[in-house]
All heavy atoms as atom14 arrays in JSON, in Angstrom:
{
  "sequence": "PIFIGKATKRIPLLENHDKSYIANFQLGVTTDTQDISGT",
  "atom14_mask": [
    [1, 1, 1, 1, 1, 1, 1, 0, 0, 0, 0, 0, 0, 0],
    [1, 1, 1, 1, 1, 1, 1, 1, 0, 0, 0, 0, 0, 0],
    [1, 1, 1, 1, 1, 1, 1, 1, 1, 1, 1, 0, 0, 0],
    [1, 1, 1, 1, 1, 1, 1, 1, 0, 0, 0, 0, 0, 0],
    [1, 1, 1, 1, 0, 0, 0, 0, 0, 0, 0, 0, 0, 0],
    [1, 1, 1, 1, 1, 1, 1, 1, 1, 0, 0, 0, 0, 0],
    [1, 1, 1, 1, 1, 0, 0, 0, 0, 0, 0, 0, 0, 0],
    [1, 1, 1, 1, 1, 1, 1, 0, 0, 0, 0, 0, 0, 0],
    [1, 1, 1, 1, 1, 1, 1, 1, 1, 0, 0, 0, 0, 0],
    [1, 1, 1, 1, 1, 1, 1, 1, 1, 1, 1, 0, 0, 0],
    [1, 1, 1, 1, 1, 1, 1, 1, 0, 0, 0, 0, 0, 0],
    [1, 1, 1, 1, 1, 1, 1, 0, 0, 0, 0, 0, 0, 0],
    [1, 1, 1, 1, 1, 1, 1, 1, 0, 0, 0, 0, 0, 0],
    [1, 1, 1, 1, 1, 1, 1, 1, 0, 0, 0, 0, 0, 0],
    [1, 1, 1, 1, 1, 1, 1, 1, 1, 0, 0, 0, 0, 0],
    [1, 1, 1, 1, 1, 1, 1, 1, 0, 0, 0, 0, 0, 0],
    [1, 1, 1, 1, 1, 1, 1, 1, 1, 1, 0, 0, 0, 0],
    [1, 1, 1, 1, 1, 1, 1, 1, 0, 0, 0, 0, 0, 0],
    [1, 1, 1, 1, 1, 1, 1, 1, 1, 0, 0, 0, 0, 0],
    [1, 1, 1, 1, 1, 1, 0, 0, 0, 0, 0, 0, 0, 0],
    [1, 1, 1, 1, 1, 1, 1, 1, 1, 1, 1, 1, 0, 0],
    [1, 1, 1, 1, 1, 1, 1, 1, 0, 0, 0, 0, 0, 0],
    [1, 1, 1, 1, 1, 0, 0, 0, 0, 0, 0, 0, 0, 0],
    [1, 1, 1, 1, 1, 1, 1, 1, 0, 0, 0, 0, 0, 0],
    [1, 1, 1, 1, 1, 1, 1, 1, 1, 1, 1, 0, 0, 0],
    [1, 1, 1, 1, 1, 1, 1, 1, 1, 0, 0, 0, 0, 0],
    [1, 1, 1, 1, 1, 1, 1, 1, 0, 0, 0, 0, 0, 0],
    [1, 1, 1, 1, 0, 0, 0, 0, 0, 0, 0, 0, 0, 0],
    [1, 1, 1, 1, 1, 1, 1, 0, 0, 0, 0, 0, 0, 0],
    [1, 1, 1, 1, 1, 1, 1, 0, 0, 0, 0, 0, 0, 0],
    [1, 1, 1, 1, 1, 1, 1, 0, 0, 0, 0, 0, 0, 0],
    [1, 1, 1, 1, 1, 1, 1, 1, 0, 0, 0, 0, 0, 0],
    [1, 1, 1, 1, 1, 1, 1, 0, 0, 0, 0, 0, 0, 0],
    [1, 1, 1, 1, 1, 1, 1, 1, 1, 0, 0, 0, 0, 0],
    [1, 1, 1, 1, 1, 1, 1, 1, 0, 0, 0, 0, 0, 0],
    [1, 1, 1, 1, 1, 1, 1, 1, 0, 0, 0, 0, 0, 0],
    [1, 1, 1, 1, 1, 1, 0, 0, 0, 0, 0, 0, 0, 0],
    [1, 1, 1, 1, 0, 0, 0, 0, 0, 0, 0, 0, 0, 0],
    [1, 1, 1, 1, 1, 1, 1, 0, 0, 0, 0, 0, 0, 0]
  ],
  "atom14_positions": [
    [[0.84, -1.21, 0.0], [0.0, 0.0, 0.0], [0.88, 1.26, 0.0], [1.78, 1.39, 0.82], [-0.79, -0.11, 1.31], [-0.72, -1.56, 1.68], [0.61, -2.02, 1.2], [0.0, 0.0, 0.0], [0.0, 0.0, 0.0], [0.0, 0.0, 0.0], [0.0, 0.0, 0.0], [0.0, 0.0, 0.0], [0.0, 0.0, 0.0], [0.0, 0.0, 0.0]],
    [[0.6, 2.17, -0.93], [1.38, 3.4, -1.07], [0.47, 4.6, -0.8], [-0.67, 4.66, -1.26], [1.99, 3.49, -2.48], [3.02, 2.37, -2.67], [2.66, 4.85, -2.7], [3.54, 2.26, -4.07], [0.0, 0.0, 0.0], [0.0, 0.0, 0.0], [0.0, 0.0, 0.0], [0.0, 0.0, 0.0], [0.0, 0.0, 0.0], [0.0, 0.0, 0.0]],
    [[1.0, 5.55, -0.03], [0.24, 6.74, 0.36], [1.0, 7.98, -0.11], [2.21, 8.08, 0.07], [0.05, 6.76, 1.87], [-0.67, 5.54, 2.39], [0.01, 4.35, 2.61], [-2.02, 5.59, 2.65], [-0.65, 3.23, 3.07], [-2.69, 4.47, 3.12], [-2.01, 3.29, 3.34], [0.0, 0.0, 0.0], [0.0, 0.0, 0.0], [0.0, 0.0, 0.0]],
    [[0.26, 8.93, -0.68], [0.88, 10.11, -1.27], [0.33, 11.39, -0.63], [-0.87, 11.5, -0.36], [0.64, 10.14, -2.79], [1.3, 8.93, -3.45], [1.19, 11.42, -3.42], [0.99, 8.76, -4.91], [0.0, 0.0, 0.0], [0.0, 0.0, 0.0], [0.0, 0.0, 0.0], [0.0, 0.0, 0.0], [0.0, 0.0, 0.0], [0.0, 0.0, 0.0]],
    [[1.24, 12.33, -0.37], [0.83, 13.63, 0.17], [0.3, 13.53, 1.58], [0.86, 12.85, 2.44], [0.0, 0.0, 0.0], [0.0, 0.0, 0.0], [0.0, 0.0, 0.0], [0.0, 0.0, 0.0], [0.0, 0.0, 0.0], [0.0, 0.0, 0.0], [0.0, 0.0, 0.0], [0.0, 0.0, 0.0], [0.0, 0.0, 0.0], [0.0, 0.0, 0.0]],
    [[-0.83, 14.19, 1.84], [-1.4, 14.21, 3.18], [-1.85, 12.84, 3.65], [-2.01, 12.61, 4.85], [-2.58, 15.19, 3.22], [-2.18, 16.65, 3.03], [-3.38, 17.56, 3.12], [-2.98, 19.03, 2.96], [-4.14, 19.94, 3.04], [0.0, 0.0, 0.0], [0.0, 0.0, 0.0], [0.0, 0.0, 0.0], [0.0, 0.0, 0.0], [0.0, 0.0, 0.0]],
    [[-2.04, 11.92, 2.71], [-2.47, 10.57, 3.08], [-1.42, 9.85, 3.92], [-1.75, 8.93, 4.67], [-2.76, 9.75, 1.83], [0.0, 0.0, 0.0], [0.0, 0.0, 0.0], [0.0, 0.0, 0.0], [0.0, 0.0, 0.0], [0.0, 0.0, 0.0], [0.0, 0.0, 0.0], [0.0, 0.0, 0.0], [0.0, 0.0, 0.0], [0.0, 0.0, 0.0]],
    [[-0.16, 10.28, 3.83], [0.89, 9.63, 4.62], [0.64, 9.79, 6.12], [1.07, 8.95, 6.91], [2.28, 10.2, 4.27], [2.27, 11.61, 4.48], [2.65, 9.9, 2.83], [0.0, 0.0, 0.0], [0.0, 0.0, 0.0], [0.0, 0.0, 0.0], [0.0, 0.0, 0.0], [0.0, 0.0, 0.0], [0.0, 0.0, 0.0], [0.0, 0.0, 0.0]],
    [[-0.05, 10.85, 6.51], [-0.34, 11.07, 7.93], [-1.36, 10.07, 8.46], [-1.52, 9.91, 9.66], [-0.87, 12.49, 8.14], [0.15, 13.58, 7.79], [-0.44, 14.96, 8.02], [0.55, 16.05, 7.68], [0.0, 17.41, 7.88], [0.0, 0.0, 0.0], [0.0, 0.0, 0.0], [0.0, 0.0, 0.0], [0.0, 0.0, 0.0], [0.0, 0.0, 0.0]],
    [[-2.06, 9.41, 7.54], [-3.11, 8.48, 7.95], [-2.59, 7.05, 8.14], [-3.33, 6.2, 8.64], [-4.23, 8.46, 6.9], [-4.86, 9.84, 6.63], [-5.6, 10.37, 7.83], [-6.34, 11.58, 7.53], [-5.88, 12.81, 7.69], [-4.63, 12.97, 8.14], [-6.61, 13.86, 7.41], [0.0, 0.0, 0.0], [0.0, 0.0, 0.0], [0.0, 0.0, 0.0]],
    [[-1.35, 6.79, 7.76], [-0.82, 5.42, 7.86], [-0.93, 4.87, 9.28], [-1.4, 3.75, 9.49], [0.64, 5.34, 7.35], [0.68, 5.69, 5.86], [1.21, 3.95, 7.58], [2.09, 5.73, 5.28], [0.0, 0.0, 0.0], [0.0, 0.0, 0.0], [0.0, 0.0, 0.0], [0.0, 0.0, 0.0], [0.0, 0.0, 0.0], [0.0, 0.0, 0.0]],
    [[-0.52, 5.63, 10.33], [-0.63, 5.09, 11.7], [-2.07, 4.87, 12.15], [-2.32, 4.16, 13.12], [0.05, 6.17, 12.56], [0.91, 6.94, 11.61], [0.16, 6.94, 10.32], [0.0, 0.0, 0.0], [0.0, 0.0, 0.0], [0.0, 0.0, 0.0], [0.0, 0.0, 0.0], [0.0, 0.0, 0.0], [0.0, 0.0, 0.0], [0.0, 0.0, 0.0]],
    [[-3.02, 5.5, 11.43], [-4.42, 5.41, 11.84], [-5.16, 4.24, 11.19], [-6.34, 4.03, 11.47], [-5.14, 6.72, 11.48], [-4.56, 8.0, 12.11], [-5.36, 9.21, 11.65], [-4.55, 7.91, 13.63], [0.0, 0.0, 0.0], [0.0, 0.0, 0.0], [0.0, 0.0, 0.0], [0.0, 0.0, 0.0], [0.0, 0.0, 0.0], [0.0, 0.0, 0.0]],
    [[-4.48, 3.49, 10.33], [-5.12, 2.35, 9.7], [-5.6, 1.37, 10.76], [-4.89, 1.06, 11.71], [-4.14, 1.64, 8.76], [-3.77, 2.37, 7.47], [-2.64, 1.62, 6.75], [-4.97, 2.48, 6.55], [0.0, 0.0, 0.0], [0.0, 0.0, 0.0], [0.0, 0.0, 0.0], [0.0, 0.0, 0.0], [0.0, 0.0, 0.0], [0.0, 0.0, 0.0]],
    [[-6.82, 0.9, 10.61], [-7.39, -0.01, 11.61], [-6.7, -1.38, 11.58], [-6.59, -2.05, 12.59], [-8.89, -0.18, 11.36], [-9.71, 1.08, 11.62], [-11.19, 0.85, 11.45], [-11.57, -0.3, 11.2], [-11.97, 1.81, 11.58], [0.0, 0.0, 0.0], [0.0, 0.0, 0.0], [0.0, 0.0, 0.0], [0.0, 0.0, 0.0], [0.0, 0.0, 0.0]],
    [[-6.24, -1.77, 10.4], [-5.7, -3.12, 10.24], [-4.28, -3.04, 9.66], [-4.09, -2.59, 8.54], [-6.61, -3.92, 9.3], [-6.08, -5.31, 9.02], [-5.12, -5.76, 9.62], [-6.73, -6.01, 8.1], [0.0, 0.0, 0.0], [0.0, 0.0, 0.0], [0.0, 0.0, 0.0], [0.0, 0.0, 0.0], [0.0, 0.0, 0.0], [0.0, 0.0, 0.0]],
    [[-3.3, -3.47, 10.44], [-1.91, -3.49, 9.97], [-1.42, -4.92, 9.73], [-0.23, -5.14, 9.53], [-0.99, -2.8, 10.99], [-1.08, -1.31, 10.96], [-0.27, -0.54, 10.15], [-1.88, -0.45, 11.62], [-0.56, 0.74, 10.34], [-1.54, 0.82, 11.22], [0.0, 0.0, 0.0], [0.0, 0.0, 0.0], [0.0, 0.0, 0.0], [0.0, 0.0, 0.0]],
    [[-2.34, -5.89, 9.76], [-1.94, -7.28, 9.59], [-1.55, -7.58, 8.14], [-1.93, -6.87, 7.21], [-3.07, -8.21, 10.02], [-3.38, -8.1, 11.51], [-2.47, -7.7, 12.26], [-4.52, -8.38, 11.9], [0.0, 0.0, 0.0], [0.0, 0.0, 0.0], [0.0, 0.0, 0.0], [0.0, 0.0, 0.0], [0.0, 0.0, 0.0], [0.0, 0.0, 0.0]],
    [[-0.78, -8.66, 7.97], [-0.29, -9.06, 6.66], [-0.6, -10.54, 6.42], [-0.79, -11.31, 7.36], [1.23, -8.86, 6.55], [1.76, -7.5, 7.02], [1.46, -6.4, 6.06], [2.25, -5.13, 6.32], [2.13, -4.56, 7.66], [0.0, 0.0, 0.0], [0.0, 0.0, 0.0], [0.0, 0.0, 0.0], [0.0, 0.0, 0.0], [0.0, 0.0, 0.0]],
    [[-0.64, -10.93, 5.15], [-0.77, -12.34, 4.8], [0.19, -12.65, 3.66], [0.48, -11.79, 2.82], [-2.22, -12.68, 4.4], [-2.63, -11.91, 3.29], [0.0, 0.0, 0.0], [0.0, 0.0, 0.0], [0.0, 0.0, 0.0], [0.0, 0.0, 0.0], [0.0, 0.0, 0.0], [0.0, 0.0, 0.0], [0.0, 0.0, 0.0], [0.0, 0.0, 0.0]],
    [[0.71, -13.9, 3.66], [1.75, -14.27, 2.71], [1.58, -15.71, 2.23], [0.99, -16.55, 2.91], [3.14, -14.2, 3.37], [3.55, -12.86, 3.89], [3.26, -12.48, 5.21], [4.26, -11.96, 3.09], [3.66, -11.24, 5.7], [4.66, -10.72, 3.58], [4.36, -10.37, 4.88], [4.75, -9.15, 5.37], [0.0, 0.0, 0.0], [0.0, 0.0, 0.0]],
    [[2.16, -15.97, 1.07], [2.46, -17.32, 0.62], [3.98, -17.38, 0.52], [4.59, -16.58, -0.2], [1.83, -17.65, -0.75], [0.3, -17.57, -0.69], [2.28, -19.02, -1.23], [-0.35, -18.64, 0.16], [0.0, 0.0, 0.0], [0.0, 0.0, 0.0], [0.0, 0.0, 0.0], [0.0, 0.0, 0.0], [0.0, 0.0, 0.0], [0.0, 0.0, 0.0]],
    [[4.59, -18.31, 1.25], [6.05, -18.39, 1.3], [6.53, -19.77, 0.92], [6.1, -20.78, 1.5], [6.54, -18.04, 2.7], [0.0, 0.0, 0.0], [0.0, 0.0, 0.0], [0.0, 0.0, 0.0], [0.0, 0.0, 0.0], [0.0, 0.0, 0.0], [0.0, 0.0, 0.0], [0.0, 0.0, 0.0], [0.0, 0.0, 0.0], [0.0, 0.0, 0.0]],
    [[7.43, -19.84, -0.05], [8.09, -21.1, -0.38], [9.34, -21.25, 0.48], [10.01, -20.25, 0.78], [8.49, -21.12, -1.86], [7.29, -21.23, -2.79], [6.15, -21.05, -2.37], [7.54, -21.53, -4.05], [0.0, 0.0, 0.0], [0.0, 0.0, 0.0], [0.0, 0.0, 0.0], [0.0, 0.0, 0.0], [0.0, 0.0, 0.0], [0.0, 0.0, 0.0]],
    [[9.66, -22.48, 0.84], [10.81, -22.69, 1.72], [11.55, -23.96, 1.35], [11.03, -24.84, 0.65], [10.38, -22.74, 3.19], [9.53, -23.94, 3.54], [10.11, -25.11, 4.02], [8.14, -23.91, 3.39], [9.34, -26.21, 4.36], [7.37, -25.0, 3.73], [7.96, -26.16, 4.21], [0.0, 0.0, 0.0], [0.0, 0.0, 0.0], [0.0, 0.0, 0.0]],
    [[12.78, -24.04, 1.83], [13.6, -25.23, 1.64], [14.29, -25.56, 2.95], [14.9, -24.7, 3.58], [14.65, -25.0, 0.55], [15.58, -26.2, 0.33], [16.61, -25.95, -0.75], [16.46, -25.03, -1.56], [17.66, -26.75, -0.78], [0.0, 0.0, 0.0], [0.0, 0.0, 0.0], [0.0, 0.0, 0.0], [0.0, 0.0, 0.0], [0.0, 0.0, 0.0]],
    [[14.19, -26.81, 3.38], [14.87, -27.27, 4.58], [16.24, -27.84, 4.21], [16.51, -28.15, 3.05], [14.03, -28.33, 5.29], [12.63, -27.89, 5.74], [11.92, -29.05, 6.43], [12.69, -26.68, 6.66], [0.0, 0.0, 0.0], [0.0, 0.0, 0.0], [0.0, 0.0, 0.0], [0.0, 0.0, 0.0], [0.0, 0.0, 0.0], [0.0, 0.0, 0.0]],
    [[17.1, -27.97, 5.22], [18.41, -28.57, 4.99], [19.51, -27.6, 4.68], [20.65, -28.0, 4.4], [0.0, 0.0, 0.0], [0.0, 0.0, 0.0], [0.0, 0.0, 0.0], [0.0, 0.0, 0.0], [0.0, 0.0, 0.0], [0.0, 0.0, 0.0], [0.0, 0.0, 0.0], [0.0, 0.0, 0.0], [0.0, 0.0, 0.0], [0.0, 0.0, 0.0]],
    [[19.22, -26.31, 4.73], [20.23, -25.3, 4.45], [19.95, -24.06, 5.29], [18.8, -23.75, 5.58], [20.27, -24.95, 2.94], [18.95, -24.36, 2.49], [21.41, -24.0, 2.63], [0.0, 0.0, 0.0], [0.0, 0.0, 0.0], [0.0, 0.0, 0.0], [0.0, 0.0, 0.0], [0.0, 0.0, 0.0], [0.0, 0.0, 0.0], [0.0, 0.0, 0.0]],
    [[21.01, -23.37, 5.7], [20.9, -22.12, 6.45], [21.79, -21.08, 5.78], [22.9, -21.39, 5.35], [21.37, -22.3, 7.9], [20.63, -23.37, 8.51], [21.17, -21.03, 8.72], [0.0, 0.0, 0.0], [0.0, 0.0, 0.0], [0.0, 0.0, 0.0], [0.0, 0.0, 0.0], [0.0, 0.0, 0.0], [0.0, 0.0, 0.0], [0.0, 0.0, 0.0]],
    [[21.29, -19.84, 5.67], [22.09, -18.75, 5.09], [22.11, -17.57, 6.05], [21.31, -17.48, 6.98], [21.52, -18.28, 3.74], [20.26, -17.61, 3.96], [21.32, -19.44, 2.78], [0.0, 0.0, 0.0], [0.0, 0.0, 0.0], [0.0, 0.0, 0.0], [0.0, 0.0, 0.0], [0.0, 0.0, 0.0], [0.0, 0.0, 0.0], [0.0, 0.0, 0.0]],
    [[23.03, -16.64, 5.79], [23.15, -15.48, 6.69], [21.98, -14.52, 6.58], [21.72, -13.75, 7.51], [24.48, -14.74, 6.44], [24.64, -14.28, 5.0], [23.79, -14.62, 4.14], [25.63, -13.58, 4.71], [0.0, 0.0, 0.0], [0.0, 0.0, 0.0], [0.0, 0.0, 0.0], [0.0, 0.0, 0.0], [0.0, 0.0, 0.0], [0.0, 0.0, 0.0]],
    [[21.23, -14.57, 5.49], [20.06, -13.7, 5.33], [18.75, -14.41, 5.63], [17.69, -13.82, 5.6], [19.98, -13.14, 3.91], [19.89, -14.24, 2.98], [21.2, -12.29, 3.57], [0.0, 0.0, 0.0], [0.0, 0.0, 0.0], [0.0, 0.0, 0.0], [0.0, 0.0, 0.0], [0.0, 0.0, 0.0], [0.0, 0.0, 0.0], [0.0, 0.0, 0.0]],
    [[18.83, -15.71, 5.88], [17.67, -16.57, 6.15], [16.81, -16.79, 4.91], [15.69, -17.28, 5.02], [16.83, -16.02, 7.31], [17.63, -15.89, 8.6], [16.84, -15.31, 9.75], [15.75, -14.76, 9.57], [17.36, -15.43, 10.97], [0.0, 0.0, 0.0], [0.0, 0.0, 0.0], [0.0, 0.0, 0.0], [0.0, 0.0, 0.0], [0.0, 0.0, 0.0]],
    [[17.33, -16.42, 3.74], [16.62, -16.69, 2.5], [17.62, -17.14, 1.43], [18.83, -17.19, 1.67], [15.79, -15.49, 2.04], [16.64, -14.25, 1.74], [17.82, -14.4, 1.39], [16.11, -13.13, 1.84], [0.0, 0.0, 0.0], [0.0, 0.0, 0.0], [0.0, 0.0, 0.0], [0.0, 0.0, 0.0], [0.0, 0.0, 0.0], [0.0, 0.0, 0.0]],
    [[17.11, -17.41, 0.24], [17.93, -17.99, -0.82], [18.95, -17.01, -1.38], [19.91, -17.41, -2.05], [17.01, -18.52, -1.95], [17.77, -19.53, -2.83], [16.43, -17.36, -2.75], [16.88, -20.26, -3.81], [0.0, 0.0, 0.0], [0.0, 0.0, 0.0], [0.0, 0.0, 0.0], [0.0, 0.0, 0.0], [0.0, 0.0, 0.0], [0.0, 0.0, 0.0]],
    [[18.82, -15.73, -1.08], [19.74, -14.73, -1.61], [21.05, -14.64, -0.83], [22.01, -14.02, -1.28], [19.08, -13.34, -1.61], [18.95, -12.85, -0.28], [0.0, 0.0, 0.0], [0.0, 0.0, 0.0], [0.0, 0.0, 0.0], [0.0, 0.0, 0.0], [0.0, 0.0, 0.0], [0.0, 0.0, 0.0], [0.0, 0.0, 0.0], [0.0, 0.0, 0.0]],
    [[21.1, -15.28, 0.34], [22.25, -15.12, 1.21], [23.37, -16.13, 0.97], [23.31, -16.98, 0.07], [0.0, 0.0, 0.0], [0.0, 0.0, 0.0], [0.0, 0.0, 0.0], [0.0, 0.0, 0.0], [0.0, 0.0, 0.0], [0.0, 0.0, 0.0], [0.0, 0.0, 0.0], [0.0, 0.0, 0.0], [0.0, 0.0, 0.0], [0.0, 0.0, 0.0]],
    [[24.4, -16.01, 1.8], [25.55, -16.91, 1.76], [25.29, -18.12, 2.64], [24.89, -17.97, 3.8], [26.82, -16.18, 2.25], [27.06, -15.05, 1.41], [28.02, -17.11, 2.2], [0.0, 0.0, 0.0], [0.0, 0.0, 0.0], [0.0, 0.0, 0.0], [0.0, 0.0, 0.0], [0.0, 0.0, 0.0], [0.0, 0.0, 0.0], [0.0, 0.0, 0.0]]
  ]
}
């Protein structure tokens, strides 16, 4: 969600700040970033 101009002042007033995701994962490996982009 992107807010422009005076609307930016309303971000803290949003009733719902929850998020939902679909996440793919792989077991058996660990990286420094905790994702596939890391070392």
